[in-house]
Amino acid sequence: MIDCSRVIQASSSLGAYQLTPLHIKSIARQPDSSVNCDRISFCPHNACTHTENLRHIYNFSRCGTAPRFLCELAPYFDARCDVIWPKPCALKSTGEGYQGKNEVDDRVISLAEIARALKAFDSKPKVREEGSVCRAIMILLEEDALAKDYSGTNPVYFTDVAMNWIAQHYQHVLYSGPSIDREDDGGMTPNHRTFLHNDMQTISELVFPNPKASAGLYRLHLQLMNLRSDAVPSRPFLTSLA
């Protein structure tokens, strides 16, 4: 199996959104201690591979029954998964748009580029229907291979046309960047709202672009931490179906 998660470790330089970085401190590692004990504090959104569902964007003050936590749904998800390595391009060159705040020179992933990447291994996903085979798409960028702090860098995001198409064809989307939306989207998170319509749909971000996961069709095994939160640390594994 191919592991596409990032290691949670004190030496990591991974970060995003100016959030407090991961902190691991020993509280019982003295010469006279019988055991070692670490205190760990972090936010999944900037410190590790994580998975979120509708609860991440749910407005508790305006809506009724809250979506379920991921840990209340399943300890893992299995799905057929298309893995692609698209090439980002400038928003102005795509002929597509973005519903949130944007600039014409923003680097994005377009529907045309997703279609090109899927055509490379002849994947033709069908429109998702009730009871159909669960499908996922993993979008990996070579530039995300090295852990880094994305804060203030305006990382690559998706056009609205691309995310609308993904929402029609897949139940799970996994991405190597920190978000499927623009870093500063004006507070709209339009791509999250396009994709997340029920609590069984998931978005995974900061996925590790493992070079062993070449473009193609895989079986995805997405492990989830048993944690009641809007986002949980996760560990995606891939097994080739080629």
C-alpha atoms as a PDB file:
ATOM      1  CA  MET A   1       0.000   0.000   0.000  1.00  0.00           C
ATOM      2  CA  ILE A   2       1.065   3.573  -0.676  1.00  0.00           C
ATOM      3  CA  ASP A   3       0.828   5.933   2.279  1.00  0.00           C
ATOM      4  CA  CYS A   4      -0.298   9.448   1.294  1.00  0.00           C
ATOM      5  CA  SER A   5      -0.322  11.031   4.744  1.00  0.00           C
ATOM      6  CA  ARG A   6       2.118  13.461   6.308  1.00  0.00           C
ATOM      7  CA  VAL A   7       3.936  12.472   9.484  1.00  0.00           C
ATOM      8  CA  ILE A   8       2.871  14.459  12.567  1.00  0.00           C
ATOM      9  CA  GLN A   9       6.214  15.413  14.087  1.00  0.00           C
ATOM     10  CA  ALA A  10       7.797  18.223  16.060  1.00  0.00           C
ATOM     11  CA  SER A  11      10.367  18.983  13.372  1.00  0.00           C
ATOM     12  CA  SER A  12       7.752  19.589  10.661  1.00  0.00           C
ATOM     13  CA  SER A  13       7.689  22.993   8.932  1.00  0.00           C
ATOM     14  CA  LEU A  14       4.131  22.439   7.701  1.00  0.00           C
ATOM     15  CA  GLY A  15       1.735  25.316   8.334  1.00  0.00           C
ATOM     16  CA  ALA A  16      -1.138  27.385   6.907  1.00  0.00           C
ATOM     17  CA  TYR A  17      -3.472  30.302   7.665  1.00  0.00           C
ATOM     18  CA  GLN A  18      -1.185  31.765  10.358  1.00  0.00           C
ATOM     19  CA  LEU A  19      -2.528  29.113  12.739  1.00  0.00           C
ATOM     20  CA  THR A  20      -0.484  28.130  15.789  1.00  0.00           C
ATOM     21  CA  PRO A  21       2.036  25.498  14.671  1.00  0.00           C
ATOM     22  CA  LEU A  22       2.225  21.943  15.936  1.00  0.00           C
ATOM     23  CA  HIS A  23       3.845  21.707  19.373  1.00  0.00           C
ATOM     24  CA  ILE A  24       5.158  18.572  21.048  1.00  0.00           C
ATOM     25  CA  LYS A  25       6.651  18.967  24.518  1.00  0.00           C
ATOM     26  CA  SER A  26       7.990  16.327  26.831  1.00  0.00           C
ATOM     27  CA  ILE A  27       6.458  16.521  30.306  1.00  0.00           C
ATOM     28  CA  ALA A  28       8.068  13.386  31.741  1.00  0.00           C
ATOM     29  CA  ARG A  29      11.452  12.689  30.218  1.00  0.00           C
ATOM     30  CA  GLN A  30      13.728  13.218  33.185  1.00  0.00           C
ATOM     31  CA  PRO A  31      16.594  11.003  34.392  1.00  0.00           C
ATOM     32  CA  ASP A  32      14.472   9.703  37.256  1.00  0.00           C
ATOM     33  CA  SER A  33      11.265   9.192  35.189  1.00  0.00           C
ATOM     34  CA  SER A  34      10.056   5.643  34.619  1.00  0.00           C
ATOM     35  CA  VAL A  35       8.316   6.563  31.339  1.00  0.00           C
ATOM     36  CA  ASN A  36       8.363   9.159  28.572  1.00  0.00           C
ATOM     37  CA  CYS A  37       5.269  11.318  28.061  1.00  0.00           C
ATOM     38  CA  ASP A  38       4.648  13.991  25.411  1.00  0.00           C
ATOM     39  CA  ARG A  39       2.005  16.697  25.394  1.00  0.00           C
ATOM     40  CA  ILE A  40       0.852  17.404  21.838  1.00  0.00           C
ATOM     41  CA  SER A  41      -1.117  20.420  20.638  1.00  0.00           C
ATOM     42  CA  PHE A  42      -2.038  21.156  17.044  1.00  0.00           C
ATOM     43  CA  CYS A  43      -4.781  22.171  14.616  1.00  0.00           C
ATOM     44  CA  PRO A  44      -5.483  19.568  11.912  1.00  0.00           C
ATOM     45  CA  HIS A  45      -6.094  22.281   9.304  1.00  0.00           C
ATOM     46  CA  ASN A  46      -2.466  23.374   9.255  1.00  0.00           C
ATOM     47  CA  ALA A  47      -0.418  20.602  10.865  1.00  0.00           C
ATOM     48  CA  CYS A  48      -1.240  17.332   9.138  1.00  0.00           C
ATOM     49  CA  THR A  49      -3.179  15.416   6.530  1.00  0.00           C
ATOM     50  CA  HIS A  50      -6.767  15.859   7.625  1.00  0.00           C
ATOM     51  CA  THR A  51     -10.322  15.108   6.532  1.00  0.00           C
ATOM     52  CA  GLU A  52     -13.432  17.240   6.972  1.00  0.00           C
ATOM     53  CA  ASN A  53     -17.109  16.942   6.121  1.00  0.00           C
ATOM     54  CA  LEU A  54     -20.191  19.183   6.128  1.00  0.00           C
ATOM     55  CA  ARG A  55     -19.650  20.000   9.793  1.00  0.00           C
ATOM     56  CA  HIS A  56     -16.632  22.124   8.819  1.00  0.00           C
ATOM     57  CA  ILE A  57     -18.803  24.763   7.101  1.00  0.00           C
ATOM     58  CA  TYR A  58     -22.049  24.275   9.066  1.00  0.00           C
ATOM     59  CA  ASN A  59     -23.569  27.456  10.514  1.00  0.00           C
ATOM     60  CA  PHE A  60     -24.790  26.487  13.981  1.00  0.00           C
ATOM     61  CA  SER A  61     -26.630  29.809  14.508  1.00  0.00           C
ATOM     62  CA  ARG A  62     -28.751  29.593  11.354  1.00  0.00           C
ATOM     63  CA  CYS A  63     -29.370  25.899  10.691  1.00  0.00           C
ATOM     64  CA  GLY A  64     -31.266  23.080  12.379  1.00  0.00           C
ATOM     65  CA  THR A  65     -29.897  19.618  13.128  1.00  0.00           C
ATOM     66  CA  ALA A  66     -26.111  19.643  12.965  1.00  0.00           C
ATOM     67  CA  PRO A  67     -24.269  17.241  10.648  1.00  0.00           C
ATOM     68  CA  ARG A  68     -22.686  14.242  12.297  1.00  0.00           C
ATOM     69  CA  PHE A  69     -19.037  14.100  13.262  1.00  0.00           C
ATOM     70  CA  LEU A  70     -16.907  11.927  10.989  1.00  0.00           C
ATOM     71  CA  CYS A  71     -16.124   9.597  13.902  1.00  0.00           C
ATOM     72  CA  GLU A  72     -19.867   8.932  14.240  1.00  0.00           C
ATOM     73  CA  LEU A  73     -20.060   7.752  10.630  1.00  0.00           C
ATOM     74  CA  ALA A  74     -17.186   5.328  10.113  1.00  0.00           C
ATOM     75  CA  PRO A  75     -13.600   4.608  11.221  1.00  0.00           C
ATOM     76  CA  TYR A  76     -12.577   4.635   7.553  1.00  0.00           C
ATOM     77  CA  PHE A  77     -13.864   5.000   3.992  1.00  0.00           C
ATOM     78  CA  ASP A  78     -13.093   2.698   1.058  1.00  0.00           C
ATOM     79  CA  ALA A  79     -13.539   3.862  -2.529  1.00  0.00           C
ATOM     80  CA  ARG A  80     -12.301   3.508  -6.071  1.00  0.00           C
ATOM     81  CA  CYS A  81      -9.930   6.411  -6.539  1.00  0.00           C
ATOM     82  CA  ASP A  82      -8.613   8.266  -9.570  1.00  0.00           C
ATOM     83  CA  VAL A  83      -5.168   9.727  -8.864  1.00  0.00           C
ATOM     84  CA  ILE A  84      -4.003  12.616 -11.038  1.00  0.00           C
ATOM     85  CA  TRP A  85      -1.057  15.026 -11.121  1.00  0.00           C
ATOM     86  CA  PRO A  86      -2.398  18.158 -12.882  1.00  0.00           C
ATOM     87  CA  LYS A  87      -0.435  21.256 -13.832  1.00  0.00           C
ATOM     88  CA  PRO A  88      -1.694  24.531 -12.312  1.00  0.00           C
ATOM     89  CA  CYS A  89      -2.119  27.565 -14.536  1.00  0.00           C
ATOM     90  CA  ALA A  90      -3.176  31.214 -14.220  1.00  0.00           C
ATOM     91  CA  LEU A  91      -6.881  31.783 -13.635  1.00  0.00           C
ATOM     92  CA  LYS A  92      -7.018  34.279 -16.510  1.00  0.00           C
ATOM     93  CA  SER A  93      -5.870  31.594 -18.989  1.00  0.00           C
ATOM     94  CA  THR A  94      -8.559  29.042 -18.128  1.00  0.00           C
ATOM     95  CA  GLY A  95     -11.748  30.723 -19.306  1.00  0.00           C
ATOM     96  CA  GLU A  96     -13.177  29.562 -15.972  1.00  0.00           C
ATOM     97  CA  GLY A  97     -13.911  31.495 -12.789  1.00  0.00           C
ATOM     98  CA  TYR A  98     -14.031  31.461  -9.018  1.00  0.00           C
ATOM     99  CA  GLN A  99     -16.975  32.670  -6.943  1.00  0.00           C
ATOM    100  CA  GLY A 100     -14.876  34.014  -4.067  1.00  0.00           C
ATOM    101  CA  LYS A 101     -12.325  36.811  -3.970  1.00  0.00           C
ATOM    102  CA  ASN A 102      -9.717  36.256  -6.686  1.00  0.00           C
ATOM    103  CA  GLU A 103      -7.024  37.781  -8.881  1.00  0.00           C
ATOM    104  CA  VAL A 104      -6.477  36.994 -12.561  1.00  0.00           C
ATOM    105  CA  ASP A 105      -2.922  35.793 -11.905  1.00  0.00           C
ATOM    106  CA  ASP A 106      -3.953  33.289  -9.197  1.00  0.00           C
ATOM    107  CA  ARG A 107      -2.677  29.789  -9.916  1.00  0.00           C
ATOM    108  CA  VAL A 108      -5.543  27.315 -10.166  1.00  0.00           C
ATOM    109  CA  ILE A 109      -6.520  23.810 -11.211  1.00  0.00           C
ATOM    110  CA  SER A 110      -9.040  23.987 -14.044  1.00  0.00           C
ATOM    111  CA  LEU A 111     -11.608  21.503 -15.301  1.00  0.00           C
ATOM    112  CA  ALA A 112      -9.767  21.333 -18.623  1.00  0.00           C
ATOM    113  CA  GLU A 113      -6.571  20.282 -16.831  1.00  0.00           C
ATOM    114  CA  ILE A 114      -8.422  17.670 -14.750  1.00  0.00           C
ATOM    115  CA  ALA A 115      -9.957  16.252 -17.942  1.00  0.00           C
ATOM    116  CA  ARG A 116      -6.520  16.095 -19.578  1.00  0.00           C
ATOM    117  CA  ALA A 117      -5.000  14.330 -16.567  1.00  0.00           C
ATOM    118  CA  LEU A 118      -7.817  11.754 -16.425  1.00  0.00           C
ATOM    119  CA  LYS A 119      -7.620  11.100 -20.163  1.00  0.00           C
ATOM    120  CA  ALA A 120      -3.986  10.093 -19.730  1.00  0.00           C
ATOM    121  CA  PHE A 121      -5.119   6.775 -18.205  1.00  0.00           C
ATOM    122  CA  ASP A 122      -8.545   6.663 -19.883  1.00  0.00           C
ATOM    123  CA  SER A 123     -10.638   7.267 -16.767  1.00  0.00           C
ATOM    124  CA  LYS A 124     -14.259   8.151 -17.540  1.00  0.00           C
ATOM    125  CA  PRO A 125     -16.100   8.676 -14.235  1.00  0.00           C
ATOM    126  CA  LYS A 126     -19.897   8.702 -14.438  1.00  0.00           C
ATOM    127  CA  VAL A 127     -22.197  11.187 -12.759  1.00  0.00           C
ATOM    128  CA  ARG A 128     -22.619  10.091  -9.145  1.00  0.00           C
ATOM    129  CA  GLU A 129     -26.012   8.572  -8.308  1.00  0.00           C
ATOM    130  CA  GLU A 130     -27.639   7.212  -5.155  1.00  0.00           C
ATOM    131  CA  GLY A 131     -26.348   3.681  -4.533  1.00  0.00           C
ATOM    132  CA  SER A 132     -23.597   3.954  -7.130  1.00  0.00           C
ATOM    133  CA  VAL A 133     -20.034   2.770  -6.526  1.00  0.00           C
ATOM    134  CA  CYS A 134     -18.264   5.121  -4.120  1.00  0.00           C
ATOM    135  CA  ARG A 135     -15.585   7.052  -5.974  1.00  0.00           C
ATOM    136  CA  ALA A 136     -12.813   9.386  -4.893  1.00  0.00           C
ATOM    137  CA  ILE A 137     -10.349  11.619  -6.672  1.00  0.00           C
ATOM    138  CA  MET A 138      -6.878  12.440  -5.360  1.00  0.00           C
ATOM    139  CA  ILE A 139      -5.273  15.538  -6.860  1.00  0.00           C
ATOM    140  CA  LEU A 140      -1.530  15.775  -6.229  1.00  0.00           C
ATOM    141  CA  LEU A 141       0.906  18.571  -7.060  1.00  0.00           C
ATOM    142  CA  GLU A 142       4.651  18.039  -7.299  1.00  0.00           C
ATOM    143  CA  GLU A 143       5.253  21.411  -5.627  1.00  0.00           C
ATOM    144  CA  ASP A 144       3.552  20.182  -2.435  1.00  0.00           C
ATOM    145  CA  ALA A 145       6.073  17.376  -1.879  1.00  0.00           C
ATOM    146  CA  LEU A 146       8.171  19.333   0.624  1.00  0.00           C
ATOM    147  CA  ALA A 147       6.489  20.407   3.859  1.00  0.00           C
ATOM    148  CA  LYS A 148       6.274  24.190   4.095  1.00  0.00           C
ATOM    149  CA  ASP A 149       4.304  27.003   5.678  1.00  0.00           C
ATOM    150  CA  TYR A 150       1.671  28.058   3.131  1.00  0.00           C
ATOM    151  CA  SER A 151       0.591  31.109   5.152  1.00  0.00           C
ATOM    152  CA  GLY A 152       0.392  34.233   2.995  1.00  0.00           C
ATOM    153  CA  THR A 153       1.524  32.435  -0.178  1.00  0.00           C
ATOM    154  CA  ASN A 154      -1.873  32.194  -1.954  1.00  0.00           C
ATOM    155  CA  PRO A 155      -1.552  28.455  -2.746  1.00  0.00           C
ATOM    156  CA  VAL A 156      -3.108  26.773  -5.766  1.00  0.00           C
ATOM    157  CA  TYR A 157      -6.883  26.273  -5.562  1.00  0.00           C
ATOM    158  CA  PHE A 158      -9.688  25.038  -7.863  1.00  0.00           C
ATOM    159  CA  THR A 159     -11.891  26.933 -10.294  1.00  0.00           C
ATOM    160  CA  ASP A 160     -15.616  26.824  -9.598  1.00  0.00           C
ATOM    161  CA  VAL A 161     -16.262  24.854 -12.797  1.00  0.00           C
ATOM    162  CA  ALA A 162     -13.700  22.235 -11.784  1.00  0.00           C
ATOM    163  CA  MET A 163     -15.146  21.806  -8.284  1.00  0.00           C
ATOM    164  CA  ASN A 164     -18.715  21.639  -9.583  1.00  0.00           C
ATOM    165  CA  TRP A 165     -17.687  18.803 -11.911  1.00  0.00           C
ATOM    166  CA  ILE A 166     -15.846  16.992  -9.104  1.00  0.00           C
ATOM    167  CA  ALA A 167     -18.940  17.279  -6.875  1.00  0.00           C
ATOM    168  CA  GLN A 168     -21.060  15.629  -9.574  1.00  0.00           C
ATOM    169  CA  HIS A 169     -18.736  12.648  -9.997  1.00  0.00           C
ATOM    170  CA  TYR A 170     -17.051  11.922  -6.647  1.00  0.00           C
ATOM    171  CA  GLN A 171     -17.954  11.430  -2.989  1.00  0.00           C
ATOM    172  CA  HIS A 172     -14.448  12.080  -1.658  1.00  0.00           C
ATOM    173  CA  VAL A 173     -11.865  14.601  -2.856  1.00  0.00           C
ATOM    174  CA  LEU A 174      -8.282  14.497  -1.595  1.00  0.00           C
ATOM    175  CA  TYR A 175      -5.828  17.301  -2.326  1.00  0.00           C
ATOM    176  CA  SER A 176      -2.148  17.874  -1.546  1.00  0.00           C
ATOM    177  CA  GLY A 177      -2.592  21.604  -0.946  1.00  0.00           C
ATOM    178  CA  PRO A 178      -3.900  23.254   2.235  1.00  0.00           C
ATOM    179  CA  SER A 179      -7.354  24.005   0.803  1.00  0.00           C
ATOM    180  CA  ILE A 180      -9.532  23.487  -2.261  1.00  0.00           C
ATOM    181  CA  ASP A 181     -10.482  27.178  -1.850  1.00  0.00           C
ATOM    182  CA  ARG A 182      -8.402  30.321  -2.166  1.00  0.00           C
ATOM    183  CA  GLU A 183      -6.438  31.268   0.960  1.00  0.00           C
ATOM    184  CA  ASP A 184      -8.229  34.631   1.104  1.00  0.00           C
ATOM    185  CA  ASP A 185     -11.590  33.922  -0.498  1.00  0.00           C
ATOM    186  CA  GLY A 186     -13.454  36.800   1.128  1.00  0.00           C
ATOM    187  CA  GLY A 187     -14.958  34.477   3.737  1.00  0.00           C
ATOM    188  CA  MET A 188     -17.063  32.581   1.196  1.00  0.00           C
ATOM    189  CA  THR A 189     -15.424  29.116   0.909  1.00  0.00           C
ATOM    190  CA  PRO A 190     -17.371  28.570  -2.343  1.00  0.00           C
ATOM    191  CA  ASN A 191     -15.679  25.313  -3.362  1.00  0.00           C
ATOM    192  CA  HIS A 192     -16.326  23.724   0.041  1.00  0.00           C
ATOM    193  CA  ARG A 193     -19.977  24.745  -0.258  1.00  0.00           C
ATOM    194  CA  THR A 194     -20.199  23.397  -3.797  1.00  0.00           C
ATOM    195  CA  PHE A 195     -18.840  19.991  -2.805  1.00  0.00           C
ATOM    196  CA  LEU A 196     -20.218  19.367   0.701  1.00  0.00           C
ATOM    197  CA  HIS A 197     -23.948  18.631   0.650  1.00  0.00           C
ATOM    198  CA  ASN A 198     -24.204  15.733   3.123  1.00  0.00           C
ATOM    199  CA  ASP A 199     -22.074  14.487   6.004  1.00  0.00           C
ATOM    200  CA  MET A 200     -20.896  11.396   4.086  1.00  0.00           C
ATOM    201  CA  GLN A 201     -18.992  13.518   1.567  1.00  0.00           C
ATOM    202  CA  THR A 202     -15.443  14.355   2.608  1.00  0.00           C
ATOM    203  CA  ILE A 203     -12.609  16.684   1.704  1.00  0.00           C
ATOM    204  CA  SER A 204      -9.053  15.736   2.653  1.00  0.00           C
ATOM    205  CA  GLU A 205      -6.289  18.335   2.475  1.00  0.00           C
ATOM    206  CA  LEU A 206      -2.520  18.456   2.999  1.00  0.00           C
ATOM    207  CA  VAL A 207      -2.323  14.964   1.515  1.00  0.00           C
ATOM    208  CA  PHE A 208       1.260  13.859   0.916  1.00  0.00           C
ATOM    209  CA  PRO A 209       2.002  13.638  -2.834  1.00  0.00           C
ATOM    210  CA  ASN A 210       3.812  10.323  -2.607  1.00  0.00           C
ATOM    211  CA  PRO A 211       5.855   9.858  -5.817  1.00  0.00           C
ATOM    212  CA  LYS A 212       4.971   6.151  -5.725  1.00  0.00           C
ATOM    213  CA  ALA A 213       1.350   7.086  -6.456  1.00  0.00           C
ATOM    214  CA  SER A 214       1.635   7.572 -10.201  1.00  0.00           C
ATOM    215  CA  ALA A 215      -1.467   8.619 -12.124  1.00  0.00           C
ATOM    216  CA  GLY A 216      -4.019   5.828 -12.396  1.00  0.00           C
ATOM    217  CA  LEU A 217      -6.840   3.926 -10.751  1.00  0.00           C
ATOM    218  CA  TYR A 218      -6.498   2.760  -7.138  1.00  0.00           C
ATOM    219  CA  ARG A 219      -8.421   1.455  -4.182  1.00  0.00           C
ATOM    220  CA  LEU A 220      -8.494   4.129  -1.494  1.00  0.00           C
ATOM    221  CA  HIS A 221      -8.544   3.206   2.196  1.00  0.00           C
ATOM    222  CA  LEU A 222      -9.009   6.443   4.150  1.00  0.00           C
ATOM    223  CA  GLN A 223      -8.395   5.987   7.885  1.00  0.00           C
ATOM    224  CA  LEU A 224      -9.878   8.545  10.303  1.00  0.00           C
ATOM    225  CA  MET A 225      -8.979   9.428  13.886  1.00  0.00           C
ATOM    226  CA  ASN A 226     -11.768   8.773  16.415  1.00  0.00           C
ATOM    227  CA  LEU A 227     -12.081  12.462  17.282  1.00  0.00           C
ATOM    228  CA  ARG A 228     -15.156  14.700  17.572  1.00  0.00           C
ATOM    229  CA  SER A 229     -14.042  17.747  15.619  1.00  0.00           C
ATOM    230  CA  ASP A 230     -14.804  19.601  12.374  1.00  0.00           C
ATOM    231  CA  ALA A 231     -11.628  18.078  10.918  1.00  0.00           C
ATOM    232  CA  VAL A 232      -9.687  14.996  11.975  1.00  0.00           C
ATOM    233  CA  PRO A 233      -6.181  13.718  11.253  1.00  0.00           C
ATOM    234  CA  SER A 234      -6.426  11.077   8.542  1.00  0.00           C
ATOM    235  CA  ARG A 235      -4.273   8.576   6.697  1.00  0.00           C
ATOM    236  CA  PRO A 236      -5.058   7.766   3.042  1.00  0.00           C
ATOM    237  CA  PHE A 237      -3.662   4.507   1.685  1.00  0.00           C
ATOM    238  CA  LEU A 238      -3.699   3.534  -1.993  1.00  0.00           C
ATOM    239  CA  THR A 239      -3.609   0.095  -3.591  1.00  0.00           C
ATOM    240  CA  SER A 240      -3.244  -0.052  -7.360  1.00  0.00           C
ATOM    241  CA  LEU A 241      -6.106  -1.539  -9.400  1.00  0.00           C
ATOM    242  CA  ALA A 242      -4.212  -1.365 -12.680  1.00  0.00           C
END
